[in-house]
PDB file of N, CA and C in Angstrom:
ATOM      1  N   MET A   1      87.966 168.288  79.048  1.00  0.00           N
ATOM      2  CA  MET A   1      88.245 166.932  78.353  1.00  0.00           C
ATOM      3  C   MET A   1      87.749 166.940  76.999  1.00  0.00           C
ATOM      4  N   ALA A   2      88.667 166.383  75.949  1.00  0.00           N
ATOM      5  CA  ALA A   2      88.130 166.313  74.841  1.00  0.00           C
ATOM      6  C   ALA A   2      87.044 165.324  74.436  1.00  0.00           C
ATOM      7  N   SER A   3      86.190 165.786  73.433  1.00  0.00           N
ATOM      8  CA  SER A   3      84.999 165.034  73.200  1.00  0.00           C
ATOM      9  C   SER A   3      85.384 163.818  72.447  1.00  0.00           C
ATOM     10  N   ILE A   4      84.688 162.699  72.494  1.00  0.00           N
ATOM     11  CA  ILE A   4      85.023 161.568  71.800  1.00  0.00           C
ATOM     12  C   ILE A   4      83.736 161.282  70.889  1.00  0.00           C
ATOM     13  N   ASP A   5      84.101 161.057  69.458  1.00  0.00           N
ATOM     14  CA  ASP A   5      83.179 160.603  68.473  1.00  0.00           C
ATOM     15  C   ASP A   5      83.112 159.023  68.552  1.00  0.00           C
ATOM     16  N   PHE A   6      81.876 158.613  68.975  1.00  0.00           N
ATOM     17  CA  PHE A   6      81.809 157.172  69.241  1.00  0.00           C
ATOM     18  C   PHE A   6      81.298 156.502  68.174  1.00  0.00           C
ATOM     19  N   GLU A   7      81.134 157.185  66.986  1.00  0.00           N
ATOM     20  CA  GLU A   7      80.673 156.476  65.795  1.00  0.00           C
ATOM     21  C   GLU A   7      81.357 155.393  65.278  1.00  0.00           C
ATOM     22  N   ASP A   8      82.779 155.272  65.333  1.00  0.00           N
ATOM     23  CA  ASP A   8      83.570 153.996  64.928  1.00  0.00           C
ATOM     24  C   ASP A   8      84.320 153.314  66.134  1.00  0.00           C
ATOM     25  N   VAL A   9      83.903 153.721  67.231  1.00  0.00           N
ATOM     26  CA  VAL A   9      84.792 153.275  68.395  1.00  0.00           C
ATOM     27  C   VAL A   9      83.771 152.510  69.279  1.00  0.00           C
ATOM     28  N   THR A  10      84.492 151.355  69.819  1.00  0.00           N
ATOM     29  CA  THR A  10      83.734 150.467  70.741  1.00  0.00           C
ATOM     30  C   THR A  10      84.687 150.369  71.916  1.00  0.00           C
ATOM     31  N   ILE A  11      84.443 150.778  73.124  1.00  0.00           N
ATOM     32  CA  ILE A  11      85.228 150.660  74.233  1.00  0.00           C
ATOM     33  C   ILE A  11      84.887 149.692  75.058  1.00  0.00           C
ATOM     34  N   TYR A  12      85.725 148.865  75.863  1.00  0.00           N
ATOM     35  CA  TYR A  12      85.465 148.190  76.940  1.00  0.00           C
ATOM     36  C   TYR A  12      86.320 148.367  77.977  1.00  0.00           C
ATOM     37  N   ALA A  13      85.590 148.917  79.075  1.00  0.00           N
ATOM     38  CA  ALA A  13      86.285 149.551  80.243  1.00  0.00           C
ATOM     39  C   ALA A  13      86.298 148.203  81.229  1.00  0.00           C
ATOM     40  N   LEU A  14      87.369 147.689  81.354  1.00  0.00           N
ATOM     41  CA  LEU A  14      87.452 146.556  82.152  1.00  0.00           C
ATOM     42  C   LEU A  14      88.422 146.622  83.433  1.00  0.00           C
ATOM     43  N   ASP A  15      87.632 146.118  84.448  1.00  0.00           N
ATOM     44  CA  ASP A  15      88.273 146.100  85.651  1.00  0.00           C
ATOM     45  C   ASP A  15      87.780 145.003  86.754  1.00  0.00           C
ATOM     46  N   LYS A  16      88.655 144.414  87.473  1.00  0.00           N
ATOM     47  CA  LYS A  16      88.242 143.357  88.410  1.00  0.00           C
ATOM     48  C   LYS A  16      87.893 143.923  89.797  1.00  0.00           C
ATOM     49  N   ASN A  17      88.118 145.173  90.035  1.00  0.00           N
ATOM     50  CA  ASN A  17      87.742 145.887  91.224  1.00  0.00           C
ATOM     51  C   ASN A  17      86.280 146.346  91.326  1.00  0.00           C
ATOM     52  N   PRO A  18      85.422 145.784  92.050  1.00  0.00           N
ATOM     53  CA  PRO A  18      83.960 146.211  92.157  1.00  0.00           C
ATOM     54  C   PRO A  18      83.771 147.780  92.407  1.00  0.00           C
ATOM     55  N   THR A  19      84.702 148.227  93.363  1.00  0.00           N
ATOM     56  CA  THR A  19      84.592 149.749  93.482  1.00  0.00           C
ATOM     57  C   THR A  19      84.733 150.544  92.114  1.00  0.00           C
ATOM     58  N   ALA A  20      85.883 150.172  91.487  1.00  0.00           N
ATOM     59  CA  ALA A  20      86.168 150.843  90.057  1.00  0.00           C
ATOM     60  C   ALA A  20      84.999 150.664  89.216  1.00  0.00           C
ATOM     61  N   ILE A  21      84.381 149.482  89.159  1.00  0.00           N
ATOM     62  CA  ILE A  21      83.231 149.286  88.398  1.00  0.00           C
ATOM     63  C   ILE A  21      82.150 150.378  88.634  1.00  0.00           C
ATOM     64  N   SER A  22      81.790 150.379  89.907  1.00  0.00           N
ATOM     65  CA  SER A  22      80.816 151.218  90.277  1.00  0.00           C
ATOM     66  C   SER A  22      81.125 152.602  89.953  1.00  0.00           C
ATOM     67  N   ALA A  23      82.386 153.136  90.117  1.00  0.00           N
ATOM     68  CA  ALA A  23      82.729 154.504  89.721  1.00  0.00           C
ATOM     69  C   ALA A  23      82.561 154.634  88.161  1.00  0.00           C
ATOM     70  N   LEU A  24      82.928 153.648  87.273  1.00  0.00           N
ATOM     71  CA  LEU A  24      82.852 153.728  86.064  1.00  0.00           C
ATOM     72  C   LEU A  24      81.478 153.949  85.446  1.00  0.00           C
ATOM     73  N   GLN A  25      80.497 153.045  86.103  1.00  0.00           N
ATOM     74  CA  GLN A  25      79.106 152.903  85.814  1.00  0.00           C
ATOM     75  C   GLN A  25      78.528 154.437  86.124  1.00  0.00           C
ATOM     76  N   GLN A  26      78.847 154.877  87.362  1.00  0.00           N
ATOM     77  CA  GLN A  26      78.311 156.390  87.613  1.00  0.00           C
ATOM     78  C   GLN A  26      78.844 157.358  86.512  1.00  0.00           C
ATOM     79  N   ARG A  27      80.066 157.203  86.340  1.00  0.00           N
ATOM     80  CA  ARG A  27      80.559 158.349  85.317  1.00  0.00           C
ATOM     81  C   ARG A  27      79.966 157.941  84.016  1.00  0.00           C
ATOM     82  N   ALA A  28      79.822 156.862  83.475  1.00  0.00           N
ATOM     83  CA  ALA A  28      79.063 156.617  82.389  1.00  0.00           C
ATOM     84  C   ALA A  28      77.639 157.310  82.261  1.00  0.00           C
ATOM     85  N   LEU A  29      76.859 157.107  83.408  1.00  0.00           N
ATOM     86  CA  LEU A  29      75.502 157.888  83.613  1.00  0.00           C
ATOM     87  C   LEU A  29      75.749 159.335  83.519  1.00  0.00           C
ATOM     88  N   ASP A  30      76.771 159.888  84.171  1.00  0.00           N
ATOM     89  CA  ASP A  30      76.946 161.368  84.540  1.00  0.00           C
ATOM     90  C   ASP A  30      77.389 161.831  83.042  1.00  0.00           C
ATOM     91  N   GLU A  31      78.253 161.324  82.251  1.00  0.00           N
ATOM     92  CA  GLU A  31      78.700 161.809  81.137  1.00  0.00           C
ATOM     93  C   GLU A  31      77.988 161.251  79.962  1.00  0.00           C
ATOM     94  N   LYS A  32      76.910 160.548  80.090  1.00  0.00           N
ATOM     95  CA  LYS A  32      76.054 160.002  79.003  1.00  0.00           C
ATOM     96  C   LYS A  32      76.907 159.225  78.059  1.00  0.00           C
ATOM     97  N   TRP A  33      77.575 158.194  78.492  1.00  0.00           N
ATOM     98  CA  TRP A  33      78.362 157.500  77.510  1.00  0.00           C
ATOM     99  C   TRP A  33      77.302 156.652  76.640  1.00  0.00           C
ATOM    100  N   PRO A  34      77.297 156.329  75.512  1.00  0.00           N
ATOM    101  CA  PRO A  34      76.413 155.488  74.769  1.00  0.00           C
ATOM    102  C   PRO A  34      76.543 154.057  74.939  1.00  0.00           C
ATOM    103  N   ALA A  35      75.465 153.419  75.593  1.00  0.00           N
ATOM    104  CA  ALA A  35      75.719 152.112  76.042  1.00  0.00           C
ATOM    105  C   ALA A  35      75.915 151.202  75.005  1.00  0.00           C
ATOM    106  N   SER A  36      75.517 151.581  73.626  1.00  0.00           N
ATOM    107  CA  SER A  36      75.814 150.808  72.548  1.00  0.00           C
ATOM    108  C   SER A  36      77.126 150.610  72.112  1.00  0.00           C
ATOM    109  N   ARG A  37      78.301 151.722  72.695  1.00  0.00           N
ATOM    110  CA  ARG A  37      79.549 151.665  72.332  1.00  0.00           C
ATOM    111  C   ARG A  37      80.575 151.579  73.555  1.00  0.00           C
ATOM    112  N   VAL A  38      80.083 151.648  74.717  1.00  0.00           N
ATOM    113  CA  VAL A  38      80.965 151.494  75.849  1.00  0.00           C
ATOM    114  C   VAL A  38      80.300 150.515  76.766  1.00  0.00           C
ATOM    115  N   TYR A  39      81.087 149.482  77.059  1.00  0.00           N
ATOM    116  CA  TYR A  39      80.849 148.287  77.929  1.00  0.00           C
ATOM    117  C   TYR A  39      81.681 148.307  78.990  1.00  0.00           C
ATOM    118  N   ILE A  40      81.144 148.495  80.202  1.00  0.00           N
ATOM    119  CA  ILE A  40      81.772 148.272  81.532  1.00  0.00           C
ATOM    120  C   ILE A  40      81.693 146.846  81.780  1.00  0.00           C
ATOM    121  N   VAL A  41      82.915 146.362  81.990  1.00  0.00           N
ATOM    122  CA  VAL A  41      83.122 144.745  82.134  1.00  0.00           C
ATOM    123  C   VAL A  41      83.757 144.631  83.522  1.00  0.00           C
ATOM    124  N   HIS A  42      83.094 143.944  84.284  1.00  0.00           N
ATOM    125  CA  HIS A  42      83.766 143.399  85.689  1.00  0.00           C
ATOM    126  C   HIS A  42      84.356 142.142  85.573  1.00  0.00           C
ATOM    127  N   ALA A  43      85.803 142.129  85.291  1.00  0.00           N
ATOM    128  CA  ALA A  43      86.477 140.870  85.042  1.00  0.00           C
ATOM    129  C   ALA A  43      87.900 140.889  85.283  1.00  0.00           C
ATOM    130  N   ASP A  44      88.525 139.941  85.126  1.00  0.00           N
ATOM    131  CA  ASP A  44      90.194 139.943  85.181  1.00  0.00           C
ATOM    132  C   ASP A  44      90.774 139.758  83.981  1.00  0.00           C
ATOM    133  N   MET A  45      91.471 140.680  83.335  1.00  0.00           N
ATOM    134  CA  MET A  45      91.969 140.737  82.030  1.00  0.00           C
ATOM    135  C   MET A  45      92.684 139.709  81.647  1.00  0.00           C
ATOM    136  N   ARG A  46      93.190 138.770  82.753  1.00  0.00           N
ATOM    137  CA  ARG A  46      94.015 137.623  82.267  1.00  0.00           C
ATOM    138  C   ARG A  46      93.005 136.417  81.927  1.00  0.00           C
ATOM    139  N   ARG A  47      91.842 136.485  82.258  1.00  0.00           N
ATOM    140  CA  ARG A  47      90.816 135.453  81.908  1.00  0.00           C
ATOM    141  C   ARG A  47      89.674 135.867  81.027  1.00  0.00           C
ATOM    142  N   TRP A  48      89.503 137.143  80.806  1.00  0.00           N
ATOM    143  CA  TRP A  48      88.409 137.638  80.029  1.00  0.00           C
ATOM    144  C   TRP A  48      88.636 137.350  78.482  1.00  0.00           C
ATOM    145  N   HIS A  49      87.562 137.045  77.848  1.00  0.00           N
ATOM    146  CA  HIS A  49      87.592 136.758  76.538  1.00  0.00           C
ATOM    147  C   HIS A  49      86.825 137.844  75.757  1.00  0.00           C
ATOM    148  N   ALA A  50      87.626 138.720  74.930  1.00  0.00           N
ATOM    149  CA  ALA A  50      86.990 139.830  74.335  1.00  0.00           C
ATOM    150  C   ALA A  50      86.182 139.322  73.038  1.00  0.00           C
ATOM    151  N   PRO A  51      85.068 140.212  72.742  1.00  0.00           N
ATOM    152  CA  PRO A  51      84.268 139.623  71.622  1.00  0.00           C
ATOM    153  C   PRO A  51      84.824 139.950  70.222  1.00  0.00           C
ATOM    154  N   ALA A  52      85.957 140.970  70.267  1.00  0.00           N
ATOM    155  CA  ALA A  52      86.559 141.339  69.103  1.00  0.00           C
ATOM    156  C   ALA A  52      88.206 141.723  69.431  1.00  0.00           C
ATOM    157  N   ALA A  53      89.064 141.641  68.630  1.00  0.00           N
ATOM    158  CA  ALA A  53      90.637 141.936  68.996  1.00  0.00           C
ATOM    159  C   ALA A  53      90.598 143.511  69.030  1.00  0.00           C
ATOM    160  N   ALA A  54      91.524 143.933  69.956  1.00  0.00           N
ATOM    161  CA  ALA A  54      91.534 145.309  70.127  1.00  0.00           C
ATOM    162  C   ALA A  54      92.523 146.030  69.385  1.00  0.00           C
ATOM    163  N   ASP A  55      92.259 147.173  68.872  1.00  0.00           N
ATOM    164  CA  ASP A  55      93.428 148.041  68.201  1.00  0.00           C
ATOM    165  C   ASP A  55      94.172 148.708  69.130  1.00  0.00           C
ATOM    166  N   ILE A  56      93.625 149.151  70.515  1.00  0.00           N
ATOM    167  CA  ILE A  56      94.574 149.779  71.415  1.00  0.00           C
ATOM    168  C   ILE A  56      94.164 149.245  72.655  1.00  0.00           C
ATOM    169  N   VAL A  57      95.219 148.957  73.753  1.00  0.00           N
ATOM    170  CA  VAL A  57      94.970 148.797  75.060  1.00  0.00           C
ATOM    171  C   VAL A  57      95.590 149.593  75.762  1.00  0.00           C
ATOM    172  N   VAL A  58      94.759 150.506  76.593  1.00  0.00           N
ATOM    173  CA  VAL A  58      95.423 151.359  77.545  1.00  0.00           C
ATOM    174  C   VAL A  58      95.439 150.932  79.053  1.00  0.00           C
ATOM    175  N   SER A  59      96.493 150.995  79.673  1.00  0.00           N
ATOM    176  CA  SER A  59      96.537 150.413  80.967  1.00  0.00           C
ATOM    177  C   SER A  59      96.895 151.438  82.123  1.00  0.00           C
ATOM    178  N   GLU A  60      96.331 151.168  83.197  1.00  0.00           N
ATOM    179  CA  GLU A  60      96.791 151.970  84.496  1.00  0.00           C
ATOM    180  C   GLU A  60      97.345 151.103  85.376  1.00  0.00           C
ATOM    181  N   LEU A  61      97.855 150.043  85.130  1.00  0.00           N
ATOM    182  CA  LEU A  61      98.221 149.085  85.974  1.00  0.00           C
ATOM    183  C   LEU A  61      99.535 149.378  86.678  1.00  0.00           C
ATOM    184  N   LEU A  62     100.201 150.463  86.443  1.00  0.00           N
ATOM    185  CA  LEU A  62     101.613 150.532  87.079  1.00  0.00           C
ATOM    186  C   LEU A  62     101.669 150.666  88.518  1.00  0.00           C
ATOM    187  N   GLY A  63     100.595 151.401  89.144  1.00  0.00           N
ATOM    188  CA  GLY A  63     100.483 151.490  90.658  1.00  0.00           C
ATOM    189  C   GLY A  63     101.742 152.219  91.043  1.00  0.00           C
ATOM    190  N   SER A  64     102.259 151.900  92.178  1.00  0.00           N
ATOM    191  CA  SER A  64     103.241 152.864  92.778  1.00  0.00           C
ATOM    192  C   SER A  64     104.587 152.330  92.678  1.00  0.00           C
ATOM    193  N   PHE A  65     104.703 151.235  91.979  1.00  0.00           N
ATOM    194  CA  PHE A  65     105.789 150.474  91.634  1.00  0.00           C
ATOM    195  C   PHE A  65     105.607 149.524  90.556  1.00  0.00           C
ATOM    196  N   GLY A  66     106.382 149.443  89.459  1.00  0.00           N
ATOM    197  CA  GLY A  66     106.110 148.870  88.154  1.00  0.00           C
ATOM    198  C   GLY A  66     105.517 147.368  88.197  1.00  0.00           C
ATOM    199  N   ASP A  67     105.967 146.671  89.393  1.00  0.00           N
ATOM    200  CA  ASP A  67     105.298 145.456  89.358  1.00  0.00           C
ATOM    201  C   ASP A  67     104.049 145.116  90.234  1.00  0.00           C
ATOM    202  N   ASN A  68     103.485 146.395  90.749  1.00  0.00           N
ATOM    203  CA  ASN A  68     102.288 146.381  91.320  1.00  0.00           C
ATOM    204  C   ASN A  68     101.251 145.790  90.503  1.00  0.00           C
ATOM    205  N   GLU A  69     100.186 145.319  91.158  1.00  0.00           N
ATOM    206  CA  GLU A  69      98.976 144.848  90.520  1.00  0.00           C
ATOM    207  C   GLU A  69      99.204 143.684  89.527  1.00  0.00           C
ATOM    208  N   LEU A  70     100.314 142.959  89.525  1.00  0.00           N
ATOM    209  CA  LEU A  70     100.577 141.944  88.595  1.00  0.00           C
ATOM    210  C   LEU A  70     100.926 142.608  87.147  1.00  0.00           C
ATOM    211  N   SER A  71     101.170 143.852  87.134  1.00  0.00           N
ATOM    212  CA  SER A  71     101.253 144.769  85.739  1.00  0.00           C
ATOM    213  C   SER A  71     101.940 143.701  84.734  1.00  0.00           C
ATOM    214  N   PRO A  72     103.271 143.172  84.943  1.00  0.00           N
ATOM    215  CA  PRO A  72     103.691 142.559  83.657  1.00  0.00           C
ATOM    216  C   PRO A  72     102.782 141.393  83.207  1.00  0.00           C
ATOM    217  N   GLU A  73     102.407 140.597  84.210  1.00  0.00           N
ATOM    218  CA  GLU A  73     101.639 139.370  83.941  1.00  0.00           C
ATOM    219  C   GLU A  73     100.131 139.923  83.106  1.00  0.00           C
ATOM    220  N   CYS A  74      99.591 140.937  83.562  1.00  0.00           N
ATOM    221  CA  CYS A  74      98.415 141.447  82.931  1.00  0.00           C
ATOM    222  C   CYS A  74      98.590 141.854  81.613  1.00  0.00           C
ATOM    223  N   LEU A  75      99.809 142.652  81.375  1.00  0.00           N
ATOM    224  CA  LEU A  75     100.022 143.263  79.977  1.00  0.00           C
ATOM    225  C   LEU A  75     100.434 142.088  79.004  1.00  0.00           C
ATOM    226  N   GLN A  76     101.208 141.187  79.612  1.00  0.00           N
ATOM    227  CA  GLN A  76     101.352 139.899  78.624  1.00  0.00           C
ATOM    228  C   GLN A  76     100.118 139.257  78.244  1.00  0.00           C
ATOM    229  N   ALA A  77      99.089 139.204  79.153  1.00  0.00           N
ATOM    230  CA  ALA A  77      97.944 138.611  78.929  1.00  0.00           C
ATOM    231  C   ALA A  77      97.052 139.478  77.992  1.00  0.00           C
ATOM    232  N   ALA A  78      97.205 140.774  78.116  1.00  0.00           N
ATOM    233  CA  ALA A  78      96.581 141.805  77.075  1.00  0.00           C
ATOM    234  C   ALA A  78      96.890 141.581  75.719  1.00  0.00           C
ATOM    235  N   ALA A  79      98.115 141.028  75.406  1.00  0.00           N
ATOM    236  CA  ALA A  79      98.451 140.720  73.942  1.00  0.00           C
ATOM    237  C   ALA A  79      97.594 139.793  73.209  1.00  0.00           C
ATOM    238  N   ARG A  80      96.975 138.819  73.994  1.00  0.00           N
ATOM    239  CA  ARG A  80      96.157 138.010  73.307  1.00  0.00           C
ATOM    240  C   ARG A  80      94.706 138.589  72.920  1.00  0.00           C
ATOM    241  N   LEU A  81      94.450 139.746  73.375  1.00  0.00           N
ATOM    242  CA  LEU A  81      93.166 140.595  73.356  1.00  0.00           C
ATOM    243  C   LEU A  81      93.362 141.514  72.078  1.00  0.00           C
ATOM    244  N   MET A  82      94.596 141.682  71.652  1.00  0.00           N
ATOM    245  CA  MET A  82      94.724 142.676  70.505  1.00  0.00           C
ATOM    246  C   MET A  82      94.943 141.955  69.089  1.00  0.00           C
ATOM    247  N   ARG A  83      94.763 142.899  68.344  1.00  0.00           N
ATOM    248  CA  ARG A  83      95.161 142.667  66.806  1.00  0.00           C
ATOM    249  C   ARG A  83      96.546 142.552  66.739  1.00  0.00           C
ATOM    250  N   PRO A  84      97.110 141.835  65.580  1.00  0.00           N
ATOM    251  CA  PRO A  84      98.694 141.969  65.601  1.00  0.00           C
ATOM    252  C   PRO A  84      99.394 143.134  65.421  1.00  0.00           C
ATOM    253  N   ASP A  85      98.687 144.302  64.719  1.00  0.00           N
ATOM    254  CA  ASP A  85      99.162 145.437  64.619  1.00  0.00           C
ATOM    255  C   ASP A  85      98.668 146.580  65.845  1.00  0.00           C
ATOM    256  N   GLY A  86      98.133 145.853  66.787  1.00  0.00           N
ATOM    257  CA  GLY A  86      97.602 146.688  67.929  1.00  0.00           C
ATOM    258  C   GLY A  86      98.807 147.267  68.876  1.00  0.00           C
ATOM    259  N   ILE A  87      98.355 148.428  69.602  1.00  0.00           N
ATOM    260  CA  ILE A  87      99.437 149.009  70.480  1.00  0.00           C
ATOM    261  C   ILE A  87      98.990 148.918  71.932  1.00  0.00           C
ATOM    262  N   VAL A  88      99.822 149.024  72.829  1.00  0.00           N
ATOM    263  CA  VAL A  88      99.680 149.174  74.282  1.00  0.00           C
ATOM    264  C   VAL A  88     100.058 150.399  74.828  1.00  0.00           C
ATOM    265  N   VAL A  89      99.325 151.189  75.462  1.00  0.00           N
ATOM    266  CA  VAL A  89      99.642 152.372  76.113  1.00  0.00           C
ATOM    267  C   VAL A  89      99.649 152.234  77.581  1.00  0.00           C
ATOM    268  N   PRO A  90     100.737 152.293  78.333  1.00  0.00           N
ATOM    269  CA  PRO A  90     102.050 152.767  77.870  1.00  0.00           C
ATOM    270  C   PRO A  90     102.808 151.626  77.145  1.00  0.00           C
ATOM    271  N   SER A  91     103.752 151.936  76.185  1.00  0.00           N
ATOM    272  CA  SER A  91     104.593 150.983  75.543  1.00  0.00           C
ATOM    273  C   SER A  91     105.528 150.301  76.445  1.00  0.00           C
ATOM    274  N   SER A  92     106.125 150.917  77.485  1.00  0.00           N
ATOM    275  CA  SER A  92     106.990 150.464  78.407  1.00  0.00           C
ATOM    276  C   SER A  92     107.062 151.446  79.576  1.00  0.00           C
ATOM    277  N   TYR A  93     107.642 150.800  80.565  1.00  0.00           N
ATOM    278  CA  TYR A  93     108.052 151.592  81.884  1.00  0.00           C
ATOM    279  C   TYR A  93     109.283 151.309  82.640  1.00  0.00           C
ATOM    280  N   THR A  94     109.548 151.875  83.419  1.00  0.00           N
ATOM    281  CA  THR A  94     110.854 151.823  84.167  1.00  0.00           C
ATOM    282  C   THR A  94     110.504 152.100  85.780  1.00  0.00           C
ATOM    283  N   SER A  95     110.977 151.215  86.591  1.00  0.00           N
ATOM    284  CA  SER A  95     110.768 151.521  87.956  1.00  0.00           C
ATOM    285  C   SER A  95     112.139 151.904  88.424  1.00  0.00           C
ATOM    286  N   TYR A  96     112.045 152.822  89.375  1.00  0.00           N
ATOM    287  CA  TYR A  96     113.358 153.182  89.993  1.00  0.00           C
ATOM    288  C   TYR A  96     113.386 153.213  91.567  1.00  0.00           C
ATOM    289  N   LEU A  97     114.385 152.826  92.076  1.00  0.00           N
ATOM    290  CA  LEU A  97     114.457 152.817  93.557  1.00  0.00           C
ATOM    291  C   LEU A  97     115.322 153.655  93.911  1.00  0.00           C
ATOM    292  N   ALA A  98     115.302 154.407  94.894  1.00  0.00           N
ATOM    293  CA  ALA A  98     116.222 155.547  95.496  1.00  0.00           C
ATOM    294  C   ALA A  98     116.278 155.240  96.909  1.00  0.00           C
ATOM    295  N   PRO A  99     117.515 155.397  97.578  1.00  0.00           N
ATOM    296  CA  PRO A  99     117.603 155.294  98.979  1.00  0.00           C
ATOM    297  C   PRO A  99     117.176 156.466  99.695  1.00  0.00           C
ATOM    298  N   VAL A 100     116.611 156.201 100.698  1.00  0.00           N
ATOM    299  CA  VAL A 100     116.241 157.266 101.747  1.00  0.00           C
ATOM    300  C   VAL A 100     116.792 157.215 102.931  1.00  0.00           C
ATOM    301  N   ASP A 101     117.077 158.227 103.587  1.00  0.00           N
ATOM    302  CA  ASP A 101     117.789 158.429 104.812  1.00  0.00           C
ATOM    303  C   ASP A 101     116.797 159.177 105.702  1.00  0.00           C
ATOM    304  N   SER A 102     116.378 158.387 106.895  1.00  0.00           N
ATOM    305  CA  SER A 102     115.496 159.172 107.907  1.00  0.00           C
ATOM    306  C   SER A 102     115.900 158.555 109.220  1.00  0.00           C
ATOM    307  N   ARG A 103     116.688 159.556 110.008  1.00  0.00           N
ATOM    308  CA  ARG A 103     116.966 159.039 111.412  1.00  0.00           C
ATOM    309  C   ARG A 103     115.709 158.536 112.162  1.00  0.00           C
ATOM    310  N   LEU A 104     114.524 159.205 112.032  1.00  0.00           N
ATOM    311  CA  LEU A 104     113.360 158.917 112.833  1.00  0.00           C
ATOM    312  C   LEU A 104     112.926 157.383 112.352  1.00  0.00           C
ATOM    313  N   LEU A 105     112.868 157.078 111.054  1.00  0.00           N
ATOM    314  CA  LEU A 105     112.436 155.802 110.612  1.00  0.00           C
ATOM    315  C   LEU A 105     113.509 154.812 111.083  1.00  0.00           C
ATOM    316  N   TRP A 106     114.730 155.108 111.027  1.00  0.00           N
ATOM    317  CA  TRP A 106     115.798 154.227 111.512  1.00  0.00           C
ATOM    318  C   TRP A 106     115.814 153.768 113.061  1.00  0.00           C
ATOM    319  N   LEU A 107     115.432 154.759 113.867  1.00  0.00           N
ATOM    320  CA  LEU A 107     115.405 154.510 115.172  1.00  0.00           C
ATOM    321  C   LEU A 107     113.853 153.679 115.448  1.00  0.00           C
ATOM    322  N   ALA A 108     112.943 153.880 114.696  1.00  0.00           N
ATOM    323  CA  ALA A 108     111.732 153.207 114.783  1.00  0.00           C
ATOM    324  C   ALA A 108     111.937 151.638 114.458  1.00  0.00           C
ATOM    325  N   ALA A 109     112.692 151.561 113.343  1.00  0.00           N
ATOM    326  CA  ALA A 109     112.836 150.172 112.711  1.00  0.00           C
ATOM    327  C   ALA A 109     113.927 149.483 113.818  1.00  0.00           C
ATOM    328  N   SER A 110     114.963 150.089 114.186  1.00  0.00           N
ATOM    329  CA  SER A 110     115.856 149.367 115.060  1.00  0.00           C
ATOM    330  C   SER A 110     115.431 149.182 116.415  1.00  0.00           C
ATOM    331  N   ALA A 111     114.299 149.710 116.805  1.00  0.00           N
ATOM    332  CA  ALA A 111     113.631 149.363 118.048  1.00  0.00           C
ATOM    333  C   ALA A 111     112.914 148.011 118.016  1.00  0.00           C
ATOM    334  N   CYS A 112     112.650 147.497 116.834  1.00  0.00           N
ATOM    335  CA  CYS A 112     111.946 146.208 116.721  1.00  0.00           C
ATOM    336  C   CYS A 112     112.884 145.212 117.187  1.00  0.00           C
ATOM    337  N   GLN A 113     112.278 144.032 117.560  1.00  0.00           N
ATOM    338  CA  GLN A 113     112.942 142.850 117.938  1.00  0.00           C
ATOM    339  C   GLN A 113     113.782 142.256 116.896  1.00  0.00           C
ATOM    340  N   ARG A 114     115.176 142.156 117.145  1.00  0.00           N
ATOM    341  CA  ARG A 114     115.998 141.384 116.056  1.00  0.00           C
ATOM    342  C   ARG A 114     116.097 139.902 116.293  1.00  0.00           C
ATOM    343  N   PRO A 115     116.228 139.223 115.189  1.00  0.00           N
ATOM    344  CA  PRO A 115     116.200 137.764 115.261  1.00  0.00           C
ATOM    345  C   PRO A 115     117.594 137.408 116.217  1.00  0.00           C
ATOM    346  N   ALA A 116     117.419 136.281 116.841  1.00  0.00           N
ATOM    347  CA  ALA A 116     118.542 135.751 117.630  1.00  0.00           C
ATOM    348  C   ALA A 116     119.886 135.742 117.013  1.00  0.00           C
ATOM    349  N   GLY A 117     120.806 136.101 117.566  1.00  0.00           N
ATOM    350  CA  GLY A 117     122.145 136.179 116.936  1.00  0.00           C
ATOM    351  C   GLY A 117     122.514 137.397 116.155  1.00  0.00           C
ATOM    352  N   VAL A 118     121.531 138.291 115.871  1.00  0.00           N
ATOM    353  CA  VAL A 118     121.824 139.428 115.065  1.00  0.00           C
ATOM    354  C   VAL A 118     122.085 140.825 115.867  1.00  0.00           C
ATOM    355  N   THR A 119     123.205 141.221 115.947  1.00  0.00           N
ATOM    356  CA  THR A 119     123.503 142.412 116.668  1.00  0.00           C
ATOM    357  C   THR A 119     124.061 143.497 115.631  1.00  0.00           C
ATOM    358  N   ASP A 120     123.609 144.696 116.079  1.00  0.00           N
ATOM    359  CA  ASP A 120     124.104 145.837 115.379  1.00  0.00           C
ATOM    360  C   ASP A 120     124.162 147.074 116.156  1.00  0.00           C
ATOM    361  N   ASP A 121     125.338 147.363 116.825  1.00  0.00           N
ATOM    362  CA  ASP A 121     125.469 148.479 117.758  1.00  0.00           C
ATOM    363  C   ASP A 121     126.134 149.626 117.180  1.00  0.00           C
ATOM    364  N   ALA A 122     126.073 149.707 115.826  1.00  0.00           N
ATOM    365  CA  ALA A 122     126.703 150.850 115.018  1.00  0.00           C
ATOM    366  C   ALA A 122     126.006 152.158 115.447  1.00  0.00           C
ATOM    367  N   ASP A 123     124.769 152.119 115.666  1.00  0.00           N
ATOM    368  CA  ASP A 123     123.847 153.418 116.043  1.00  0.00           C
ATOM    369  C   ASP A 123     123.882 153.534 117.482  1.00  0.00           C
ATOM    370  N   GLY A 124     124.523 152.827 118.300  1.00  0.00           N
ATOM    371  CA  GLY A 124     124.625 152.875 119.857  1.00  0.00           C
ATOM    372  C   GLY A 124     123.266 152.368 120.346  1.00  0.00           C
ATOM    373  N   CYS A 125     122.448 151.577 119.806  1.00  0.00           N
ATOM    374  CA  CYS A 125     121.235 150.945 120.381  1.00  0.00           C
ATOM    375  C   CYS A 125     121.631 149.742 121.379  1.00  0.00           C
TER     376      CYS A 125
END
């Protein structure tokens, strides 16, 4: 991992998940992050008020699908935390959906009780 020169950098590591906060705190101790430059904040970014406008916001909110974890709402809220010429990483993302065919899953799903009036005998069930 590349070394970071903390002389001109202030980092706010923000997360609302207490487990993530604990992991960050442990990593900060293990890697000797300077406490005067790296602040670990347990908060929701939609409600947090930064002490200064950010140059860069780096997000990992994408999850397994682009709308996971309220990603669009959170990244919109991040805009208020930034300087006018600030950037967000990633700058965009695209979610894709692909059909999947699995006879085993189909059989398991078709074994479920159907709502009244719904019949589908195409698969011989």
